[in-house]
Structures are given as structure tokens and as C-alpha cells.
Amino acid sequence: MILYKSNDNWFGDMSHLFRSWTMTKIFRSVIGIGVYAAAFVWVVETYQWHDYLVMDTMMFSLLGVILSIFLGFRTNTAYDRWWEARKQWGALVNNTRNMAIYVDSMWPAEDDGIRRFMARHIANFCIALAEHLRQGTDLDQLVGVSPEERAYYETKDHIPNFIALRIYQRMAEAHRRGDINEGDYINIKAQHQSLLDILGACERIKKTPIPFSYAVYLKIFITAYGVLLPLGLESSFGWTTVPLTMLVFFALLGVELMGEEIEDPFGLDCNDLPTSSIAQTIRRNVFEILEDRTPAPEDPRELYTKIF
């Protein structure tokens, strides 16, 4: 995700466009439509086909209004998904902090084992979730995973689920032993349940994109509008049709492709959410709360050596 300060540097912010893969695709398509428009105008001007291109530009205005409605819905839908994902990860930050505070407050002060266990597993849940929403969890990214745990996780497809399972098993065991009372168990159980609720909400966002038929229809509409636009502009603007067609196509295609980019907010595109960074923030927070020390080192292998 690109981090920037609003109203800080107008032209500096604009320079990010040239480093975006989405903008690269847009520019390629705009250049392509420009070449097409130039070829069209050349043919019309060379062979004097102006009499065959009598077309009322009002039709393009009406089509533009219809297209703007579709694009407005497309953009709003994509941004709603992006913003809902951000709210879910914001809730994850709050709930993991609450859970760490509960653990530190409810368990006996001398029980360092539960604090180390919970710090590792809460952090690993968030790190695993960030990777799970992309191409799958990379076990090398997890914090302080023992060889036994690694062998266990390698047999599973849904790593965040089983990290959450281990957390709950430890909580239930402490409740059975009497380390925490019934009220404390109910309270921390709600915090644990929120982790799975957030996991499910993120998977829902990830696996439910805009309906395919709608996406294809919008692409066809934008392409057809761009192809037909020189027919309506050439008789009035001549060679100016070329830059005008490119500008209009740039606006329409840009809105569509930006919507596609933020539709999946968990990836690695420049406008996606910084979920890996948020997960590392959670890792630092829970280790500070539960072990009252400098946050764990970045290298998971170094952390494992230090803890065990």
C-alpha cells in the first residue's frame, strides 16, 4: 500500500501513477486506442468518407450517462469491499490487544509459559491470516514454530484455523485445571471467537468478487464505447479526435481497473491493504504486553532460539 500525506505534494503524489502496474496496463490500452483512432482518422481524411459518418453526438452523451452509472456502482462496490476489509483488520488489532491483556491479567503472575505460548500463537494467527488470504501460509514467516508444530501445520490446509484451535485448547485446559475462573473463561472465549469471526469475514470478502457477468459486461461496454467514439468525434474535431478519444478512454478504463485492483484488498498491489505490516504490528504489541520486553526479533528462527 502506498502511504502518503493528503495535500502534501501534488506532483509527488501523481508520480506514483507511473510506478503502478494498473497504470501501466491503462497506458498500454490508451496507446492502443490512440493508434486505432489515428488510423481511423487517417482513413477518413484520406478517402474523404465524411459524408458516410453523419452521426448525432447526443447518442454518445446518453451512452456516457449509462456507462457512468455502471462505473459508479462498480467503484462503490470495490471500495466497500476495501473499507470493510480495513475495518476487519482494525478490529483484529483491537481484539488481539484485548486478548493479550486478558491473558496477562487473568493467569497467575508466575506462569510465564502461558504468556509465551499466547504471544507466539496470537502473533502467528495474524501472520498466517495475512498469507492465507493471498497464496497460502508460508510457515517460514511464523514466529517461534517448533519442529513438532511445523510438522503438524504442514499436514493442514487452513493454518489459521489450527492456530486458533491450539489457542482455544490451551484456554479450555486452563479452565479445567482451575487456573482461570468461569467468568474469566467466558470473557476470553469471546475474544477468541472474534478472531474466527474476522477470519470468516475476510474469507467472505476474498471469495465473493463482483459477479462475473457484470464485470464482463462492463468491459465490453467500455471497449465498444471507445471503439465507436472516433465515429462521433471525427466530423467535428478532425485529428483532435485522437487525443480526445485517448482522454475519454483513459478516464473510463482507469475507473474500471482501479476498481478491479481494490476489489481484492488482501494482495500485494500498491493500493491493497498492508496486512503483513498490520500483522507485524500486532506481533510487536502482544509480545510487549505478555512478555514485557522489547518486541520479538524479525527472524522467526532467532525468536525460537531466544524463547526456547
Protein backbone atom coordinates (compact mmCIF):
# COMPACT_ATOMS: atom_id res chain seq x y z
CA MET A 1 0.00 0.00 0.00
CA ILE A 2 1.24 3.49 -0.84
CA LEU A 3 1.42 5.69 2.24
CA TYR A 4 1.07 9.40 1.62
CA LYS A 5 0.05 12.61 3.34
CA SER A 6 -3.01 14.35 1.93
CA ASN A 7 -2.39 17.71 0.26
CA ASP A 8 1.35 17.41 0.87
CA ASN A 9 2.87 17.13 -2.59
CA TRP A 10 0.54 17.31 -5.58
CA PHE A 11 3.02 16.35 -8.28
CA GLY A 12 4.86 13.95 -5.99
CA ASP A 13 1.63 12.01 -5.43
CA MET A 14 0.97 11.97 -9.17
CA SER A 15 4.39 10.41 -9.78
CA HIS A 16 3.17 7.21 -8.08
CA LEU A 17 0.92 6.62 -11.08
CA PHE A 18 3.91 5.78 -13.24
CA ARG A 19 5.06 3.09 -10.81
CA SER A 20 1.72 1.29 -10.65
CA TRP A 21 1.13 -1.89 -12.65
CA THR A 22 -2.52 -0.89 -13.01
CA MET A 23 -1.50 2.42 -14.59
CA THR A 24 0.90 0.58 -16.88
CA LYS A 25 -1.99 -1.52 -18.18
CA ILE A 26 -4.11 1.60 -18.58
CA PHE A 27 -1.41 3.43 -20.54
CA ARG A 28 -0.89 0.46 -22.83
CA SER A 29 -4.61 0.28 -23.58
CA VAL A 30 -4.84 4.05 -24.09
CA ILE A 31 -1.94 3.98 -26.54
CA GLY A 32 -3.65 1.12 -28.37
CA ILE A 33 -6.92 3.04 -28.68
CA GLY A 34 -4.92 6.09 -29.78
CA VAL A 35 -3.30 4.11 -32.60
CA TYR A 36 -6.73 2.84 -33.63
CA ALA A 37 -8.21 6.36 -33.57
CA ALA A 38 -5.29 7.74 -35.58
CA ALA A 39 -5.69 5.01 -38.20
CA PHE A 40 -9.43 5.66 -38.37
CA VAL A 41 -8.99 9.43 -38.81
CA TRP A 42 -6.30 8.88 -41.47
CA VAL A 43 -8.59 6.63 -43.49
CA VAL A 44 -11.49 9.09 -43.26
CA GLU A 45 -9.33 12.09 -44.16
CA THR A 46 -7.54 10.28 -46.97
CA TYR A 47 -10.60 8.83 -48.67
CA GLN A 48 -12.97 11.67 -47.74
CA TRP A 49 -15.55 9.48 -46.04
CA HIS A 50 -17.03 12.35 -44.07
CA ASP A 51 -20.41 12.02 -45.75
CA TYR A 52 -20.70 8.46 -44.51
CA LEU A 53 -20.06 9.41 -40.88
CA VAL A 54 -23.04 11.62 -40.15
CA MET A 55 -23.74 10.72 -36.53
CA ASP A 56 -25.51 12.61 -33.76
CA THR A 57 -23.12 13.00 -30.81
CA MET A 58 -26.14 13.02 -28.48
CA MET A 59 -26.05 9.23 -28.65
CA PHE A 60 -22.59 9.20 -27.10
CA SER A 61 -23.78 11.52 -24.35
CA LEU A 62 -26.60 9.14 -23.48
CA LEU A 63 -24.27 6.14 -23.57
CA GLY A 64 -21.82 8.07 -21.38
CA VAL A 65 -24.50 8.66 -18.75
CA ILE A 66 -25.41 4.96 -18.71
CA LEU A 67 -21.75 4.00 -18.51
CA SER A 68 -21.13 6.41 -15.64
CA ILE A 69 -23.93 4.76 -13.65
CA PHE A 70 -22.37 1.33 -14.15
CA LEU A 71 -18.89 2.62 -13.28
CA GLY A 72 -20.21 4.39 -10.19
CA PHE A 73 -21.72 1.15 -8.93
CA ARG A 74 -18.52 -0.71 -9.78
CA THR A 75 -16.32 1.73 -7.90
CA ASN A 76 -18.58 1.92 -4.86
CA THR A 77 -18.79 -1.86 -4.64
CA ALA A 78 -15.00 -2.25 -4.84
CA TYR A 79 -14.36 0.47 -2.26
CA ASP A 80 -16.94 -1.03 0.11
CA ARG A 81 -15.01 -4.31 0.00
CA TRP A 82 -11.71 -2.48 0.61
CA TRP A 83 -13.11 -0.48 3.53
CA GLU A 84 -14.85 -3.47 5.12
CA ALA A 85 -11.55 -5.38 4.96
CA ARG A 86 -9.79 -2.48 6.66
CA LYS A 87 -12.40 -2.43 9.41
CA GLN A 88 -11.97 -6.16 9.96
CA TRP A 89 -8.21 -5.80 10.32
CA GLY A 90 -8.70 -2.82 12.62
CA ALA A 91 -10.95 -4.99 14.77
CA LEU A 92 -8.27 -7.71 14.69
CA VAL A 93 -5.71 -5.26 16.10
CA ASN A 94 -8.04 -4.25 18.93
CA ASN A 95 -9.20 -7.76 19.77
CA THR A 96 -5.71 -9.27 19.85
CA ARG A 97 -4.56 -6.50 22.19
CA ASN A 98 -7.56 -7.14 24.41
CA MET A 99 -6.86 -10.85 24.37
CA ALA A 100 -3.22 -10.31 25.33
CA ILE A 101 -4.27 -8.03 28.20
CA TYR A 102 -6.81 -10.63 29.39
CA VAL A 103 -4.17 -13.36 29.38
CA ASP A 104 -1.66 -11.21 31.23
CA SER A 105 -4.24 -10.21 33.84
CA MET A 106 -6.08 -13.50 34.43
CA TRP A 107 -3.33 -16.09 34.62
CA PRO A 108 -1.06 -16.32 37.69
CA ALA A 109 1.83 -13.87 37.57
CA GLU A 110 4.40 -16.66 37.81
CA ASP A 111 3.01 -18.54 34.78
CA ASP A 112 5.41 -17.39 32.08
CA GLY A 113 4.70 -20.41 29.91
CA ILE A 114 1.14 -19.38 29.06
CA ARG A 115 2.33 -15.87 28.23
CA ARG A 116 4.98 -17.14 25.83
CA PHE A 117 2.51 -19.57 24.29
CA MET A 118 -0.20 -16.96 23.77
CA ALA A 119 2.21 -14.32 22.47
CA ARG A 120 3.50 -16.70 19.81
CA HIS A 121 0.14 -18.07 18.77
CA ILE A 122 -1.75 -14.77 18.68
CA ALA A 123 1.03 -13.28 16.55
CA ASN A 124 1.15 -16.35 14.33
CA PHE A 125 -2.61 -16.31 13.81
CA CYS A 126 -2.40 -12.80 12.36
CA ILE A 127 0.70 -13.51 10.24
CA ALA A 128 -0.86 -16.73 8.94
CA LEU A 129 -4.13 -14.94 8.18
CA ALA A 130 -2.36 -12.30 6.06
CA GLU A 131 -0.65 -15.01 3.98
CA HIS A 132 -3.71 -17.29 3.94
CA LEU A 133 -5.67 -14.54 2.16
CA ARG A 134 -3.03 -14.46 -0.60
CA GLN A 135 -1.39 -17.65 -1.83
CA GLY A 136 -1.39 -19.66 1.38
CA THR A 137 0.54 -19.56 4.64
CA ASP A 138 4.33 -19.65 4.50
CA LEU A 139 5.44 -21.45 7.66
CA ASP A 140 8.83 -19.73 7.49
CA GLN A 141 7.08 -16.45 8.28
CA LEU A 142 5.64 -17.70 11.57
CA VAL A 143 7.17 -16.82 14.92
CA GLY A 144 8.99 -19.41 17.04
CA VAL A 145 7.44 -22.52 15.46
CA SER A 146 8.92 -25.71 16.93
CA PRO A 147 9.78 -28.66 14.66
CA GLU A 148 6.79 -30.56 16.07
CA GLU A 149 4.42 -27.68 15.36
CA ARG A 150 5.83 -27.25 11.89
CA ALA A 151 5.28 -30.91 11.10
CA TYR A 152 1.71 -30.59 12.41
CA TYR A 153 0.93 -27.47 10.35
CA GLU A 154 2.41 -28.99 7.18
CA THR A 155 -0.40 -31.54 7.20
CA LYS A 156 -3.08 -28.83 7.28
CA ASP A 157 -4.54 -26.66 4.53
CA HIS A 158 -6.05 -23.96 6.74
CA ILE A 159 -3.24 -22.90 9.10
CA PRO A 160 -5.09 -20.01 10.86
CA ASN A 161 -7.86 -22.41 11.89
CA PHE A 162 -5.45 -24.75 13.63
CA ILE A 163 -3.52 -21.95 15.32
CA ALA A 164 -6.87 -20.74 16.69
CA LEU A 165 -7.62 -24.32 17.75
CA ARG A 166 -4.38 -24.54 19.75
CA ILE A 167 -5.16 -21.25 21.49
CA TYR A 168 -8.61 -22.48 22.47
CA GLN A 169 -7.31 -25.83 23.65
CA ARG A 170 -4.89 -24.07 25.99
CA MET A 171 -7.67 -21.83 27.32
CA ALA A 172 -10.00 -24.78 27.91
CA GLU A 173 -7.24 -26.72 29.65
CA ALA A 174 -6.54 -23.79 31.98
CA HIS A 175 -10.25 -23.54 32.80
CA ARG A 176 -10.48 -27.25 33.61
CA ARG A 177 -7.44 -27.01 35.90
CA GLY A 178 -8.90 -24.01 37.68
CA ASP A 179 -6.19 -21.56 36.59
CA ILE A 180 -8.95 -19.19 35.46
CA ASN A 181 -12.50 -18.97 36.79
CA GLU A 182 -15.75 -19.28 34.87
CA GLY A 183 -16.23 -15.54 34.36
CA ASP A 184 -12.72 -15.03 33.04
CA TYR A 185 -13.12 -18.02 30.75
CA ILE A 186 -16.33 -16.60 29.25
CA ASN A 187 -14.70 -13.22 28.69
CA ILE A 188 -11.59 -14.52 26.96
CA LYS A 189 -13.65 -17.02 24.99
CA ALA A 190 -15.49 -14.07 23.38
CA GLN A 191 -12.15 -12.55 22.37
CA HIS A 192 -11.09 -15.84 20.82
CA GLN A 193 -14.36 -16.15 18.93
CA SER A 194 -13.81 -12.70 17.44
CA LEU A 195 -10.62 -13.99 15.77
CA LEU A 196 -12.60 -16.62 13.87
CA ASP A 197 -15.34 -14.12 13.06
CA ILE A 198 -12.77 -11.82 11.47
CA LEU A 199 -11.21 -14.76 9.63
CA GLY A 200 -14.59 -15.71 8.19
CA ALA A 201 -15.40 -12.12 7.19
CA CYS A 202 -12.07 -11.76 5.35
CA GLU A 203 -12.60 -15.05 3.53
CA ARG A 204 -16.07 -13.87 2.51
CA ILE A 205 -14.59 -10.69 1.03
CA LYS A 206 -11.81 -12.66 -0.69
CA LYS A 207 -14.04 -15.32 -2.23
CA THR A 208 -17.02 -13.21 -3.30
CA PRO A 209 -15.91 -10.80 -6.03
CA ILE A 210 -18.31 -8.84 -8.19
CA PRO A 211 -20.44 -11.21 -10.34
CA PHE A 212 -18.52 -12.31 -13.41
CA SER A 213 -21.28 -11.43 -15.86
CA TYR A 214 -21.39 -7.86 -14.57
CA ALA A 215 -17.62 -7.49 -14.84
CA VAL A 216 -17.54 -8.86 -18.40
CA TYR A 217 -20.50 -6.73 -19.48
CA LEU A 218 -18.80 -3.58 -18.19
CA LYS A 219 -15.58 -4.41 -20.03
CA ILE A 220 -17.48 -4.97 -23.28
CA PHE A 221 -19.39 -1.72 -22.80
CA ILE A 222 -16.21 0.32 -22.21
CA THR A 223 -14.44 -1.30 -25.18
CA ALA A 224 -17.38 -0.72 -27.51
CA TYR A 225 -17.70 2.89 -26.37
CA GLY A 226 -14.00 3.51 -27.02
CA VAL A 227 -14.12 1.87 -30.45
CA LEU A 228 -17.20 3.83 -31.56
CA LEU A 229 -16.11 7.16 -30.12
CA PRO A 230 -13.96 8.25 -33.12
CA LEU A 231 -17.02 7.82 -35.36
CA GLY A 232 -18.84 10.52 -33.42
CA LEU A 233 -15.92 12.89 -32.97
CA GLU A 234 -14.12 12.83 -36.32
CA SER A 235 -16.53 15.02 -38.29
CA SER A 236 -16.33 17.81 -35.68
CA PHE A 237 -12.74 17.55 -34.42
CA GLY A 238 -10.68 16.01 -37.20
CA TRP A 239 -7.24 14.95 -35.97
CA THR A 240 -8.10 16.24 -32.49
CA THR A 241 -10.27 13.11 -32.30
CA VAL A 242 -7.15 11.11 -31.43
CA PRO A 243 -6.23 12.82 -28.11
CA LEU A 244 -9.89 13.25 -27.18
CA THR A 245 -10.57 9.54 -27.66
CA MET A 246 -7.48 8.66 -25.64
CA LEU A 247 -8.50 11.00 -22.82
CA VAL A 248 -12.06 9.66 -22.57
CA PHE A 249 -10.86 6.05 -22.74
CA PHE A 250 -8.22 6.81 -20.08
CA ALA A 251 -10.93 8.07 -17.72
CA LEU A 252 -13.31 5.15 -18.26
CA LEU A 253 -10.75 2.38 -18.27
CA GLY A 254 -8.91 3.89 -15.28
CA VAL A 255 -12.00 3.79 -13.09
CA GLU A 256 -12.71 0.19 -14.09
CA LEU A 257 -9.17 -1.10 -13.49
CA MET A 258 -8.78 0.76 -10.20
CA GLY A 259 -11.99 -0.90 -9.06
CA GLU A 260 -10.55 -4.28 -10.05
CA GLU A 261 -7.35 -3.57 -8.12
CA ILE A 262 -9.01 -2.72 -4.80
CA GLU A 263 -11.70 -5.38 -5.19
CA ASP A 264 -9.26 -7.87 -3.64
CA PRO A 265 -7.75 -5.80 -0.78
CA PHE A 266 -5.51 -8.56 0.57
CA GLY A 267 -2.99 -8.81 -2.26
CA LEU A 268 0.31 -7.07 -2.87
CA ASP A 269 -0.79 -4.34 -5.27
CA CYS A 270 0.19 -0.80 -4.37
CA ASN A 271 -3.37 0.09 -3.31
CA ASP A 272 -4.07 -3.08 -1.32
CA LEU A 273 -4.17 -3.13 2.46
CA PRO A 274 -0.82 -3.52 4.27
CA THR A 275 -1.99 -6.65 6.06
CA SER A 276 1.53 -8.01 6.57
CA SER A 277 2.57 -4.75 8.21
CA ILE A 278 -0.53 -4.80 10.43
CA ALA A 279 0.24 -8.40 11.42
CA GLN A 280 3.78 -7.42 12.41
CA THR A 281 2.39 -4.53 14.46
CA ILE A 282 0.16 -7.00 16.31
CA ARG A 283 3.17 -9.25 16.88
CA ARG A 284 5.11 -6.42 18.50
CA ASN A 285 2.13 -5.36 20.60
CA VAL A 286 1.32 -8.76 22.06
CA PHE A 287 4.94 -9.53 22.90
CA GLU A 288 5.27 -6.21 24.67
CA ILE A 289 2.12 -6.90 26.68
CA LEU A 290 2.68 -10.56 27.51
CA GLU A 291 6.46 -10.65 27.97
CA ASP A 292 7.04 -7.03 28.97
CA ARG A 293 10.14 -6.79 26.86
CA THR A 294 11.46 -5.46 23.59
CA PRO A 295 9.41 -6.85 20.68
CA ALA A 296 10.50 -10.16 19.22
CA PRO A 297 13.19 -10.05 16.52
CA GLU A 298 12.14 -10.20 12.90
CA ASP A 299 13.80 -13.56 12.21
CA PRO A 300 11.45 -16.34 13.43
CA ARG A 301 14.40 -18.73 13.88
CA GLU A 302 16.15 -16.22 16.12
CA LEU A 303 12.97 -15.84 18.14
CA TYR A 304 12.61 -19.60 18.59
CA THR A 305 16.18 -19.82 19.91
CA LYS A 306 15.58 -16.97 22.30
CA ILE A 307 12.33 -18.29 23.73
CA PHE A 308 13.17 -21.95 23.96
